[in-house]
C-alpha atoms as a PDB file:
ATOM      1  CA  MET A   1     140.226 121.017 131.918  1.00  0.00           C
ATOM      2  CA  ARG A   2     138.051 118.176 130.802  1.00  0.00           C
ATOM      3  CA  ALA A   3     135.420 117.271 128.261  1.00  0.00           C
ATOM      4  CA  GLY A   4     134.122 113.994 129.627  1.00  0.00           C
ATOM      5  CA  CYS A   5     133.790 110.917 127.398  1.00  0.00           C
ATOM      6  CA  LEU A   6     133.529 112.940 124.219  1.00  0.00           C
ATOM      7  CA  ALA A   7     133.268 111.738 120.644  1.00  0.00           C
ATOM      8  CA  GLY A   8     133.630 108.113 121.589  1.00  0.00           C
ATOM      9  CA  CYS A   9     134.053 106.304 124.906  1.00  0.00           C
ATOM     10  CA  ALA A  10     134.771 102.633 125.325  1.00  0.00           C
ATOM     11  CA  THR A  11     135.173 100.378 128.328  1.00  0.00           C
ATOM     12  CA  ASN A  12     137.370  97.338 127.910  1.00  0.00           C
ATOM     13  CA  THR A  13     136.460  93.964 129.376  1.00  0.00           C
ATOM     14  CA  ALA A  14     137.597  93.140 132.901  1.00  0.00           C
ATOM     15  CA  MET A  15     140.674  91.036 133.419  1.00  0.00           C
ATOM     16  CA  ALA A  16     142.562  89.652 136.377  1.00  0.00           C
ATOM     17  CA  ALA A  17     145.535  91.895 136.996  1.00  0.00           C
ATOM     18  CA  THR A  18     148.241  93.192 139.252  1.00  0.00           C
ATOM     19  CA  PRO A  19     149.446  96.809 139.085  1.00  0.00           C
ATOM     20  CA  SER A  20     152.473  95.843 137.006  1.00  0.00           C
ATOM     21  CA  ASP A  21     150.223  94.535 134.220  1.00  0.00           C
ATOM     22  CA  VAL A  22     148.644  97.833 133.264  1.00  0.00           C
ATOM     23  CA  TYR A  23     150.424 100.793 134.847  1.00  0.00           C
ATOM     24  CA  ALA A  24     153.441 102.641 133.568  1.00  0.00           C
ATOM     25  CA  PRO A  25     156.670 101.826 135.442  1.00  0.00           C
ATOM     26  CA  GLU A  26     156.786 105.250 137.098  1.00  0.00           C
ATOM     27  CA  GLU A  27     153.238 104.728 138.436  1.00  0.00           C
ATOM     28  CA  ARG A  28     153.573 101.223 139.862  1.00  0.00           C
ATOM     29  CA  GLU A  29     154.970 102.017 143.284  1.00  0.00           C
ATOM     30  CA  ALA A  30     152.469 104.809 143.849  1.00  0.00           C
ATOM     31  CA  VAL A  31     149.627 102.466 142.875  1.00  0.00           C
ATOM     32  CA  ARG A  32     150.906  99.733 145.184  1.00  0.00           C
ATOM     33  CA  SER A  33     151.023 102.250 148.030  1.00  0.00           C
ATOM     34  CA  ALA A  34     147.494 103.425 147.234  1.00  0.00           C
ATOM     35  CA  LEU A  35     146.089  99.892 147.216  1.00  0.00           C
ATOM     36  CA  HIS A  36     147.855  98.991 150.455  1.00  0.00           C
ATOM     37  CA  ALA A  37     146.707 102.163 152.192  1.00  0.00           C
ATOM     38  CA  ALA A  38     143.109 101.765 151.012  1.00  0.00           C
ATOM     39  CA  PHE A  39     142.649  98.010 151.333  1.00  0.00           C
ATOM     40  CA  GLY A  40     145.749  96.429 152.871  1.00  0.00           C
ATOM     41  CA  VAL A  41     146.569  94.674 149.590  1.00  0.00           C
ATOM     42  CA  THR A  42     148.881  95.259 146.630  1.00  0.00           C
ATOM     43  CA  GLN A  43     147.013  93.010 144.200  1.00  0.00           C
ATOM     44  CA  ILE A  44     143.482  93.255 142.893  1.00  0.00           C
ATOM     45  CA  ASP A  45     141.014  90.635 141.727  1.00  0.00           C
ATOM     46  CA  ALA A  46     140.101  92.279 138.412  1.00  0.00           C
ATOM     47  CA  ILE A  47     140.602  95.498 136.526  1.00  0.00           C
ATOM     48  CA  THR A  48     138.643  97.275 133.793  1.00  0.00           C
ATOM     49  CA  PRO A  49     140.368 100.167 132.016  1.00  0.00           C
ATOM     50  CA  ILE A  50     137.845 102.922 131.333  1.00  0.00           C
ATOM     51  CA  MET A  51     138.714 104.830 128.198  1.00  0.00           C
ATOM     52  CA  GLY A  52     137.634 108.314 127.194  1.00  0.00           C
ATOM     53  CA  GLY A  53     137.901 111.908 128.287  1.00  0.00           C
ATOM     54  CA  ALA A  54     140.208 114.738 127.371  1.00  0.00           C
ATOM     55  CA  SER A  55     142.010 115.265 130.649  1.00  0.00           C
ATOM     56  CA  GLY A  56     144.794 112.724 130.210  1.00  0.00           C
ATOM     57  CA  ALA A  57     143.750 110.854 133.362  1.00  0.00           C
ATOM     58  CA  SER A  58     143.807 107.051 133.431  1.00  0.00           C
ATOM     59  CA  THR A  59     140.809 105.483 135.142  1.00  0.00           C
ATOM     60  CA  PHE A  60     140.215 101.871 136.097  1.00  0.00           C
ATOM     61  CA  ALA A  61     137.389  99.965 137.693  1.00  0.00           C
ATOM     62  CA  ILE A  62     139.111  97.645 140.151  1.00  0.00           C
ATOM     63  CA  GLU A  63     137.688  94.768 142.159  1.00  0.00           C
ATOM     64  CA  VAL A  64     138.932  94.111 145.673  1.00  0.00           C
ATOM     65  CA  ARG A  65     137.403  91.402 147.860  1.00  0.00           C
ATOM     66  CA  GLY A  66     134.366  91.199 145.614  1.00  0.00           C
ATOM     67  CA  ARG A  67     133.624  94.938 145.562  1.00  0.00           C
ATOM     68  CA  ARG A  68     134.296  97.435 142.785  1.00  0.00           C
ATOM     69  CA  TYR A  69     136.099 100.765 143.190  1.00  0.00           C
ATOM     70  CA  LEU A  70     137.401 103.401 140.819  1.00  0.00           C
ATOM     71  CA  LEU A  71     141.140 104.080 140.622  1.00  0.00           C
ATOM     72  CA  ARG A  72     142.059 107.356 138.945  1.00  0.00           C
ATOM     73  CA  LEU A  73     145.582 108.349 137.941  1.00  0.00           C
ATOM     74  CA  GLU A  74     145.842 111.946 136.792  1.00  0.00           C
ATOM     75  CA  GLY A  75     147.834 112.689 133.670  1.00  0.00           C
ATOM     76  CA  PRO A  76     150.371 115.478 133.214  1.00  0.00           C
ATOM     77  CA  PRO A  77     148.964 118.764 134.544  1.00  0.00           C
ATOM     78  CA  SER A  78     147.828 121.282 131.955  1.00  0.00           C
ATOM     79  CA  PRO A  79     148.693 124.993 132.176  1.00  0.00           C
ATOM     80  CA  LEU A  80     145.130 125.550 133.416  1.00  0.00           C
ATOM     81  CA  ARG A  81     145.354 122.864 136.106  1.00  0.00           C
ATOM     82  CA  ASN A  82     143.240 123.552 139.144  1.00  0.00           C
ATOM     83  CA  PRO A  83     145.244 122.760 142.318  1.00  0.00           C
ATOM     84  CA  HIS A  84     142.115 122.385 144.463  1.00  0.00           C
ATOM     85  CA  GLN A  85     140.424 119.365 142.900  1.00  0.00           C
ATOM     86  CA  TYR A  86     141.054 117.002 145.823  1.00  0.00           C
ATOM     87  CA  VAL A  87     139.936 119.484 148.483  1.00  0.00           C
ATOM     88  CA  SER A  88     136.782 120.108 146.468  1.00  0.00           C
ATOM     89  CA  MET A  89     136.180 116.390 145.958  1.00  0.00           C
ATOM     90  CA  ARG A  90     136.528 115.723 149.703  1.00  0.00           C
ATOM     91  CA  ILE A  91     133.959 118.407 150.507  1.00  0.00           C
ATOM     92  CA  ALA A  92     131.566 117.021 147.896  1.00  0.00           C
ATOM     93  CA  ALA A  93     132.039 113.447 149.116  1.00  0.00           C
ATOM     94  CA  GLU A  94     131.403 114.453 152.734  1.00  0.00           C
ATOM     95  CA  ALA A  95     128.182 116.088 151.562  1.00  0.00           C
ATOM     96  CA  GLY A  96     127.128 112.896 149.753  1.00  0.00           C
ATOM     97  CA  ILE A  97     127.305 114.563 146.343  1.00  0.00           C
ATOM     98  CA  ALA A  98     130.420 112.714 145.145  1.00  0.00           C
ATOM     99  CA  PRO A  99     131.143 109.000 145.731  1.00  0.00           C
ATOM    100  CA  ALA A 100     132.891 108.084 148.970  1.00  0.00           C
ATOM    101  CA  ILE A 101     136.684 108.456 148.940  1.00  0.00           C
ATOM    102  CA  ARG A 102     138.812 105.492 150.007  1.00  0.00           C
ATOM    103  CA  TYR A 103     142.249 107.015 149.381  1.00  0.00           C
ATOM    104  CA  ILE A 104     143.861 110.153 147.965  1.00  0.00           C
ATOM    105  CA  ASP A 105     147.536 110.947 147.386  1.00  0.00           C
ATOM    106  CA  GLU A 106     147.641 114.548 146.189  1.00  0.00           C
ATOM    107  CA  ALA A 107     151.383 114.470 145.489  1.00  0.00           C
ATOM    108  CA  GLU A 108     151.085 111.409 143.235  1.00  0.00           C
ATOM    109  CA  ARG A 109     147.657 112.553 141.995  1.00  0.00           C
ATOM    110  CA  ILE A 110     145.981 109.214 142.701  1.00  0.00           C
ATOM    111  CA  ALA A 111     142.468 108.668 144.057  1.00  0.00           C
ATOM    112  CA  VAL A 112     140.473 105.562 144.932  1.00  0.00           C
ATOM    113  CA  ILE A 113     136.720 106.072 145.298  1.00  0.00           C
ATOM    114  CA  ASP A 114     133.551 103.991 145.380  1.00  0.00           C
ATOM    115  CA  PHE A 115     132.473 102.762 141.961  1.00  0.00           C
ATOM    116  CA  ILE A 116     128.989 103.828 140.868  1.00  0.00           C
ATOM    117  CA  GLU A 117     127.127 101.266 138.769  1.00  0.00           C
ATOM    118  CA  ALA A 118     125.561 103.832 136.479  1.00  0.00           C
ATOM    119  CA  GLN A 119     122.315 103.557 134.582  1.00  0.00           C
ATOM    120  CA  PRO A 120     121.353 105.821 131.645  1.00  0.00           C
ATOM    121  CA  LEU A 121     119.989 109.186 132.711  1.00  0.00           C
ATOM    122  CA  VAL A 122     117.018 108.607 130.386  1.00  0.00           C
ATOM    123  CA  THR A 123     115.859 105.863 132.773  1.00  0.00           C
ATOM    124  CA  TYR A 124     115.426 108.343 135.643  1.00  0.00           C
ATOM    125  CA  PRO A 125     112.003 107.657 137.230  1.00  0.00           C
ATOM    126  CA  GLY A 126     109.376 110.190 136.252  1.00  0.00           C
ATOM    127  CA  GLY A 127     111.040 111.184 133.006  1.00  0.00           C
ATOM    128  CA  SER A 128     112.857 114.285 131.853  1.00  0.00           C
ATOM    129  CA  ILE A 129     110.905 116.810 133.935  1.00  0.00           C
ATOM    130  CA  VAL A 130     111.630 114.990 137.191  1.00  0.00           C
ATOM    131  CA  LEU A 131     115.263 114.565 136.122  1.00  0.00           C
ATOM    132  CA  ALA A 132     115.551 118.318 135.462  1.00  0.00           C
ATOM    133  CA  GLN A 133     114.174 118.988 138.948  1.00  0.00           C
ATOM    134  CA  ALA A 134     116.641 116.513 140.459  1.00  0.00           C
ATOM    135  CA  LEU A 135     119.500 118.228 138.647  1.00  0.00           C
ATOM    136  CA  GLY A 136     118.397 121.583 140.028  1.00  0.00           C
ATOM    137  CA  GLU A 137     118.298 120.076 143.516  1.00  0.00           C
ATOM    138  CA  LEU A 138     121.767 118.561 143.026  1.00  0.00           C
ATOM    139  CA  LEU A 139     123.180 121.984 142.141  1.00  0.00           C
ATOM    140  CA  LYS A 140     121.413 123.571 145.098  1.00  0.00           C
ATOM    141  CA  ARG A 141     123.008 121.017 147.442  1.00  0.00           C
ATOM    142  CA  LEU A 142     126.445 121.457 145.891  1.00  0.00           C
ATOM    143  CA  GLN A 143     126.332 125.231 146.112  1.00  0.00           C
ATOM    144  CA  GLY A 144     125.254 124.995 149.744  1.00  0.00           C
ATOM    145  CA  THR A 145     128.341 123.057 150.871  1.00  0.00           C
ATOM    146  CA  THR A 146     131.402 124.443 152.587  1.00  0.00           C
ATOM    147  CA  PRO A 147     132.829 126.760 149.902  1.00  0.00           C
ATOM    148  CA  PHE A 148     135.517 125.244 147.709  1.00  0.00           C
ATOM    149  CA  PRO A 149     138.872 127.065 147.463  1.00  0.00           C
ATOM    150  CA  ARG A 150     139.238 129.896 144.979  1.00  0.00           C
ATOM    151  CA  PHE A 151     141.161 129.397 141.762  1.00  0.00           C
ATOM    152  CA  SER A 152     140.548 131.892 138.970  1.00  0.00           C
ATOM    153  CA  GLU A 153     137.728 133.983 137.591  1.00  0.00           C
ATOM    154  CA  TYR A 154     135.801 132.022 134.961  1.00  0.00           C
ATOM    155  CA  PRO A 155     136.061 134.646 132.192  1.00  0.00           C
ATOM    156  CA  ASP A 156     139.838 134.595 132.703  1.00  0.00           C
ATOM    157  CA  ILE A 157     139.907 130.802 132.301  1.00  0.00           C
ATOM    158  CA  VAL A 158     137.872 131.074 129.100  1.00  0.00           C
ATOM    159  CA  GLY A 159     140.058 133.909 127.839  1.00  0.00           C
ATOM    160  CA  ARG A 160     143.298 132.020 128.455  1.00  0.00           C
ATOM    161  CA  LEU A 161     141.995 128.892 126.736  1.00  0.00           C
ATOM    162  CA  TRP A 162     140.734 130.936 123.789  1.00  0.00           C
ATOM    163  CA  ALA A 163     144.069 132.735 123.479  1.00  0.00           C
ATOM    164  CA  TYR A 164     145.778 129.344 123.299  1.00  0.00           C
ATOM    165  CA  VAL A 165     143.422 128.206 120.519  1.00  0.00           C
ATOM    166  CA  CYS A 166     144.200 131.361 118.573  1.00  0.00           C
ATOM    167  CA  ARG A 167     147.949 130.697 118.957  1.00  0.00           C
ATOM    168  CA  THR A 168     147.736 127.133 117.625  1.00  0.00           C
ATOM    169  CA  ARG A 169     147.325 128.288 114.026  1.00  0.00           C
ATOM    170  CA  LEU A 170     144.465 125.838 113.589  1.00  0.00           C
ATOM    171  CA  PHE A 171     142.656 128.567 111.690  1.00  0.00           C
ATOM    172  CA  ALA A 172     143.774 131.065 109.072  1.00  0.00           C
ATOM    173  CA  ASP A 173     144.348 134.703 109.991  1.00  0.00           C
ATOM    174  CA  GLY A 174     141.125 136.592 110.615  1.00  0.00           C
ATOM    175  CA  VAL A 175     138.848 133.548 110.731  1.00  0.00           C
ATOM    176  CA  LEU A 176     138.347 133.758 114.492  1.00  0.00           C
ATOM    177  CA  ASP A 177     138.204 137.542 114.768  1.00  0.00           C
ATOM    178  CA  ALA A 178     134.421 137.658 115.230  1.00  0.00           C
ATOM    179  CA  HIS A 179     134.643 135.215 118.132  1.00  0.00           C
ATOM    180  CA  THR A 180     137.438 137.163 119.785  1.00  0.00           C
ATOM    181  CA  GLU A 181     135.435 140.370 119.435  1.00  0.00           C
ATOM    182  CA  ARG A 182     132.292 138.796 120.889  1.00  0.00           C
ATOM    183  CA  LEU A 183     134.264 137.414 123.825  1.00  0.00           C
ATOM    184  CA  ALA A 184     135.596 140.913 124.527  1.00  0.00           C
ATOM    185  CA  ARG A 185     132.070 142.355 124.479  1.00  0.00           C
ATOM    186  CA  ILE A 186     130.794 139.663 126.823  1.00  0.00           C
ATOM    187  CA  ARG A 187     133.632 140.257 129.269  1.00  0.00           C
ATOM    188  CA  GLU A 188     132.795 143.963 129.309  1.00  0.00           C
ATOM    189  CA  LYS A 189     129.165 143.216 130.206  1.00  0.00           C
ATOM    190  CA  TYR A 190     129.822 140.330 132.581  1.00  0.00           C
ATOM    191  CA  VAL A 191     129.645 141.372 136.232  1.00  0.00           C
ATOM    192  CA  TRP A 192     130.142 139.021 139.159  1.00  0.00           C
ATOM    193  CA  HIS A 193     131.324 139.699 142.672  1.00  0.00           C
ATOM    194  CA  ALA A 194     133.851 137.100 143.788  1.00  0.00           C
ATOM    195  CA  GLU A 195     132.618 137.149 147.370  1.00  0.00           C
ATOM    196  CA  ASP A 196     129.294 135.712 146.147  1.00  0.00           C
ATOM    197  CA  SER A 197     130.928 132.701 144.488  1.00  0.00           C
ATOM    198  CA  VAL A 198     129.901 129.199 145.570  1.00  0.00           C
ATOM    199  CA  SER A 199     131.184 125.641 145.354  1.00  0.00           C
ATOM    200  CA  SER A 200     131.074 124.689 141.679  1.00  0.00           C
ATOM    201  CA  HIS A 201     131.846 121.569 139.683  1.00  0.00           C
ATOM    202  CA  ASN A 202     132.546 123.575 136.497  1.00  0.00           C
ATOM    203  CA  ASP A 203     132.207 120.553 134.193  1.00  0.00           C
ATOM    204  CA  ALA A 204     128.648 119.385 134.851  1.00  0.00           C
ATOM    205  CA  ILE A 205     128.232 117.563 131.543  1.00  0.00           C
ATOM    206  CA  PRO A 206     126.215 114.328 131.205  1.00  0.00           C
ATOM    207  CA  SER A 207     129.209 111.979 131.491  1.00  0.00           C
ATOM    208  CA  ASN A 208     130.036 113.505 134.889  1.00  0.00           C
ATOM    209  CA  ILE A 209     126.517 112.976 136.275  1.00  0.00           C
ATOM    210  CA  LEU A 210     125.750 109.393 137.239  1.00  0.00           C
ATOM    211  CA  PHE A 211     122.413 107.796 138.095  1.00  0.00           C
ATOM    212  CA  ASP A 212     122.687 104.646 140.207  1.00  0.00           C
ATOM    213  CA  GLY A 213     119.018 103.684 139.914  1.00  0.00           C
ATOM    214  CA  LYS A 214     118.032 105.697 142.969  1.00  0.00           C
ATOM    215  CA  ARG A 215     119.879 109.026 142.965  1.00  0.00           C
ATOM    216  CA  LEU A 216     122.341 111.260 141.119  1.00  0.00           C
ATOM    217  CA  TRP A 217     126.071 111.645 141.761  1.00  0.00           C
ATOM    218  CA  LEU A 218     128.652 114.101 140.450  1.00  0.00           C
ATOM    219  CA  ILE A 219     132.072 112.706 139.522  1.00  0.00           C
ATOM    220  CA  ASP A 220     135.398 113.995 138.111  1.00  0.00           C
ATOM    221  CA  TRP A 221     136.268 117.026 140.208  1.00  0.00           C
ATOM    222  CA  GLU A 222     139.422 118.228 138.491  1.00  0.00           C
ATOM    223  CA  SER A 223     137.757 121.490 137.416  1.00  0.00           C
ATOM    224  CA  ALA A 224     136.019 122.155 140.740  1.00  0.00           C
ATOM    225  CA  TYR A 225     136.601 125.436 142.566  1.00  0.00           C
ATOM    226  CA  ARG A 226     134.594 128.385 143.860  1.00  0.00           C
ATOM    227  CA  ASN A 227     132.818 130.081 140.977  1.00  0.00           C
ATOM    228  CA  ASP A 228     129.819 131.985 139.706  1.00  0.00           C
ATOM    229  CA  PRO A 229     126.857 129.637 140.392  1.00  0.00           C
ATOM    230  CA  LEU A 230     125.535 130.172 136.882  1.00  0.00           C
ATOM    231  CA  VAL A 231     128.453 128.283 135.286  1.00  0.00           C
ATOM    232  CA  ASP A 232     127.120 124.895 136.410  1.00  0.00           C
ATOM    233  CA  VAL A 233     123.561 126.006 135.695  1.00  0.00           C
ATOM    234  CA  ALA A 234     124.454 127.064 132.141  1.00  0.00           C
ATOM    235  CA  THR A 235     126.264 123.806 131.400  1.00  0.00           C
ATOM    236  CA  MET A 236     123.412 121.673 132.678  1.00  0.00           C
ATOM    237  CA  LEU A 237     120.785 123.677 130.815  1.00  0.00           C
ATOM    238  CA  ASP A 238     122.627 123.381 127.498  1.00  0.00           C
ATOM    239  CA  ASN A 239     123.159 119.642 127.843  1.00  0.00           C
ATOM    240  CA  LEU A 240     120.343 118.263 129.962  1.00  0.00           C
ATOM    241  CA  ALA A 241     117.430 120.709 129.843  1.00  0.00           C
ATOM    242  CA  SER A 242     117.172 121.736 126.219  1.00  0.00           C
ATOM    243  CA  THR A 243     113.482 122.732 126.117  1.00  0.00           C
ATOM    244  CA  PRO A 244     111.816 125.732 127.783  1.00  0.00           C
ATOM    245  CA  GLU A 245     109.789 123.384 130.003  1.00  0.00           C
ATOM    246  CA  LEU A 246     112.863 121.499 131.220  1.00  0.00           C
ATOM    247  CA  GLU A 247     114.809 124.723 131.688  1.00  0.00           C
ATOM    248  CA  ARG A 248     112.027 126.172 133.829  1.00  0.00           C
ATOM    249  CA  ALA A 249     111.856 122.998 135.937  1.00  0.00           C
ATOM    250  CA  LEU A 250     115.599 122.995 136.612  1.00  0.00           C
ATOM    251  CA  LEU A 251     115.813 126.709 137.344  1.00  0.00           C
ATOM    252  CA  ARG A 252     112.832 126.732 139.699  1.00  0.00           C
ATOM    253  CA  ARG A 253     114.136 123.792 141.739  1.00  0.00           C
ATOM    254  CA  TRP A 254     117.650 125.266 141.895  1.00  0.00           C
ATOM    255  CA  LEU A 255     116.581 128.817 142.680  1.00  0.00           C
ATOM    256  CA  GLY A 256     113.400 128.165 144.661  1.00  0.00           C
ATOM    257  CA  ARG A 257     111.502 130.726 142.596  1.00  0.00           C
ATOM    258  CA  GLU A 258     111.072 132.011 139.070  1.00  0.00           C
ATOM    259  CA  PRO A 259     114.263 133.659 137.761  1.00  0.00           C
ATOM    260  CA  ASP A 260     113.989 137.395 137.235  1.00  0.00           C
ATOM    261  CA  GLU A 261     115.086 139.303 134.153  1.00  0.00           C
ATOM    262  CA  ASP A 262     118.467 140.281 135.602  1.00  0.00           C
ATOM    263  CA  LEU A 263     119.349 136.658 136.298  1.00  0.00           C
ATOM    264  CA  ARG A 264     118.264 135.575 132.824  1.00  0.00           C
ATOM    265  CA  THR A 265     120.410 138.303 131.274  1.00  0.00           C
ATOM    266  CA  ARG A 266     123.446 137.164 133.243  1.00  0.00           C
ATOM    267  CA  LEU A 267     122.654 133.535 132.413  1.00  0.00           C
ATOM    268  CA  GLY A 268     122.786 134.394 128.715  1.00  0.00           C
ATOM    269  CA  LEU A 269     126.288 135.798 129.105  1.00  0.00           C
ATOM    270  CA  VAL A 270     127.482 132.806 131.124  1.00  0.00           C
ATOM    271  CA  ARG A 271     126.018 130.348 128.619  1.00  0.00           C
ATOM    272  CA  ALA A 272     128.019 132.049 125.894  1.00  0.00           C
ATOM    273  CA  LEU A 273     131.184 131.732 127.993  1.00  0.00           C
ATOM    274  CA  THR A 274     130.612 128.026 128.654  1.00  0.00           C
ATOM    275  CA  ARG A 275     130.025 127.384 124.953  1.00  0.00           C
ATOM    276  CA  LEU A 276     133.280 129.070 124.003  1.00  0.00           C
ATOM    277  CA  TYR A 277     135.068 127.207 126.784  1.00  0.00           C
ATOM    278  CA  TYR A 278     134.020 123.822 125.417  1.00  0.00           C
ATOM    279  CA  ALA A 279     134.828 124.931 121.879  1.00  0.00           C
ATOM    280  CA  GLY A 280     138.301 125.653 123.229  1.00  0.00           C
ATOM    281  CA  VAL A 281     138.499 122.236 124.914  1.00  0.00           C
ATOM    282  CA  PHE A 282     137.714 120.434 121.661  1.00  0.00           C
ATOM    283  CA  LEU A 283     139.924 122.605 119.493  1.00  0.00           C
ATOM    284  CA  SER A 284     142.908 122.472 121.832  1.00  0.00           C
ATOM    285  CA  ALA A 285     142.556 118.669 121.869  1.00  0.00           C
ATOM    286  CA  SER A 286     142.494 118.582 118.065  1.00  0.00           C
ATOM    287  CA  ALA A 287     145.607 120.781 117.884  1.00  0.00           C
ATOM    288  CA  ILE A 288     147.855 117.868 118.918  1.00  0.00           C
ATOM    289  CA  THR A 289     147.877 116.772 115.283  1.00  0.00           C
ATOM    290  CA  SER A 290     149.372 119.260 112.860  1.00  0.00           C
ATOM    291  CA  ARG A 291     147.182 120.220 109.923  1.00  0.00           C
ATOM    292  CA  THR A 292     148.546 120.595 106.411  1.00  0.00           C
ATOM    293  CA  ALA A 293     147.269 124.189 106.376  1.00  0.00           C
ATOM    294  CA  PRO A 294     145.272 126.450 108.714  1.00  0.00           C
ATOM    295  CA  ASP A 295     141.529 125.994 108.358  1.00  0.00           C
ATOM    296  CA  ASP A 296     139.817 128.887 106.609  1.00  0.00           C
ATOM    297  CA  ASP A 297     136.306 127.436 106.766  1.00  0.00           C
ATOM    298  CA  LEU A 298     134.157 127.673 109.896  1.00  0.00           C
ATOM    299  CA  SER A 299     131.176 125.845 108.420  1.00  0.00           C
ATOM    300  CA  ALA A 300     130.035 123.036 110.690  1.00  0.00           C
ATOM    301  CA  PRO A 301     127.475 120.256 110.425  1.00  0.00           C
ATOM    302  CA  ASN A 302     124.248 120.384 112.355  1.00  0.00           C
ATOM    303  CA  LEU A 303     123.537 117.713 114.939  1.00  0.00           C
ATOM    304  CA  SER A 304     121.820 115.330 112.516  1.00  0.00           C
ATOM    305  CA  GLU A 305     124.614 115.690 109.980  1.00  0.00           C
ATOM    306  CA  PHE A 306     127.249 115.059 112.632  1.00  0.00           C
ATOM    307  CA  ARG A 307     125.561 111.875 113.828  1.00  0.00           C
ATOM    308  CA  LEU A 308     125.179 110.679 110.251  1.00  0.00           C
ATOM    309  CA  ALA A 309     128.885 111.314 109.592  1.00  0.00           C
ATOM    310  CA  ILE A 310     129.788 109.244 112.669  1.00  0.00           C
ATOM    311  CA  ARG A 311     127.504 106.371 111.629  1.00  0.00           C
ATOM    312  CA  ALA A 312     128.843 106.454 108.077  1.00  0.00           C
ATOM    313  CA  GLY A 313     132.432 106.373 109.298  1.00  0.00           C
ATOM    314  CA  ASN A 314     133.310 109.729 107.775  1.00  0.00           C
ATOM    315  CA  LEU A 315     134.169 110.971 111.261  1.00  0.00           C
ATOM    316  CA  LYS A 316     135.936 108.620 113.652  1.00  0.00           C
ATOM    317  CA  PRO A 317     135.056 108.768 117.366  1.00  0.00           C
ATOM    318  CA  GLY A 318     137.891 110.358 119.309  1.00  0.00           C
ATOM    319  CA  ALA A 319     139.883 111.362 116.236  1.00  0.00           C
ATOM    320  CA  PRO A 320     141.442 114.855 116.090  1.00  0.00           C
ATOM    321  CA  GLU A 321     139.356 115.740 113.039  1.00  0.00           C
ATOM    322  CA  THR A 322     136.178 114.797 114.910  1.00  0.00           C
ATOM    323  CA  LYS A 323     137.183 117.000 117.845  1.00  0.00           C
ATOM    324  CA  HIS A 324     137.965 119.792 115.381  1.00  0.00           C
ATOM    325  CA  THR A 325     134.495 119.444 113.884  1.00  0.00           C
ATOM    326  CA  LEU A 326     132.858 119.479 117.307  1.00  0.00           C
ATOM    327  CA  GLY A 327     134.885 122.553 118.187  1.00  0.00           C
ATOM    328  CA  LYS A 328     133.510 124.328 115.129  1.00  0.00           C
ATOM    329  CA  MET A 329     129.977 123.281 116.108  1.00  0.00           C
ATOM    330  CA  PHE A 330     130.450 124.902 119.510  1.00  0.00           C
ATOM    331  CA  LEU A 331     131.962 127.981 117.853  1.00  0.00           C
ATOM    332  CA  ALA A 332     128.834 128.300 115.738  1.00  0.00           C
ATOM    333  CA  SER A 333     126.714 128.033 118.892  1.00  0.00           C
ATOM    334  CA  PHE A 334     128.760 130.737 120.607  1.00  0.00           C
ATOM    335  CA  LEU A 335     128.561 133.164 117.715  1.00  0.00           C
ATOM    336  CA  ALA A 336     124.871 132.596 116.949  1.00  0.00           C
ATOM    337  CA  ASN A 337     123.827 132.575 120.623  1.00  0.00           C
ATOM    338  CA  ALA A 338     122.132 129.245 119.969  1.00  0.00           C
ATOM    339  CA  PRO A 339     122.116 125.896 121.801  1.00  0.00           C
ATOM    340  CA  PRO A 340     125.267 123.810 121.227  1.00  0.00           C
ATOM    341  CA  PRO A 341     125.158 120.219 119.945  1.00  0.00           C
ATOM    342  CA  GLY A 342     125.284 118.865 123.481  1.00  0.00           C
ATOM    343  CA  PHE A 343     127.685 116.364 124.981  1.00  0.00           C
ATOM    344  CA  ASP A 344     125.261 113.478 124.682  1.00  0.00           C
ATOM    345  CA  ALA A 345     125.525 113.946 120.921  1.00  0.00           C
ATOM    346  CA  ALA A 346     129.303 113.911 121.109  1.00  0.00           C
ATOM    347  CA  VAL A 347     129.512 110.513 122.795  1.00  0.00           C
END
């Protein structure tokens, strides 16, 4: 379960290092083994810790023999941990959708992959329409790969995460009842046949889509498993194709035709599920800090107000209260069936 570089990411400056300088004692031997297996060395020329994300993973840009790679150390597994992330990542890498893999140790949960020197998505040649088409093509390629392993039905994942949020006592009794009721109605209407599921990233937010100046890549595969194809479509539409024109461009390139009414109806249900899922991600992350009393107010700022609060310092990037506020913004989106604030706004 991951929310990308949300509500504040920072990358520290590079520094010469050995594994013992930056890794926890229990990680050092596993890291040494990874470096030796991947490159035949146990020391690296430079290291850049990359901060951000809600998964608990530690990521580092490392330099070996003048070339940069990404070293990822997974954090403690959550109750919703997907056991198939490395299988899925291998399939995606072999298809040229994910960066090339140099080393994986599934037991130690360590991966070394090629580092992508990313450029802002807004610099994609041809502008937002061409980017939307490229995103649709990226999803089409992903969903055409060897199917990822199965994990769980998406509505069940959303339901379990939402049940956890309700148990945290973040909110006063009754405050979340309308959301729980709407989720139940959606699950009654939602129909998907598991045998039609396809390879899915399941966290296709902007921070997990990199542009290297020539093409797009998908990274961070910890949520990847076989799923309803509309989950990735819904997430991309809400975050990267926010106008009717961009939505049409992405859908047509992904589908190869105009979507019919049945697909659009199902897409509406899936978009609601993805919005509640990310509300749950933010709220469960904010629950690590105990509140003085359960929140009885679901009012949330709009996007402009949120950005102004960040600039003014009233909300601190990465702080539990900021995640709580973002969670309420996604809750409002879910209940009103309206576009969410978007992950680009959260960074």
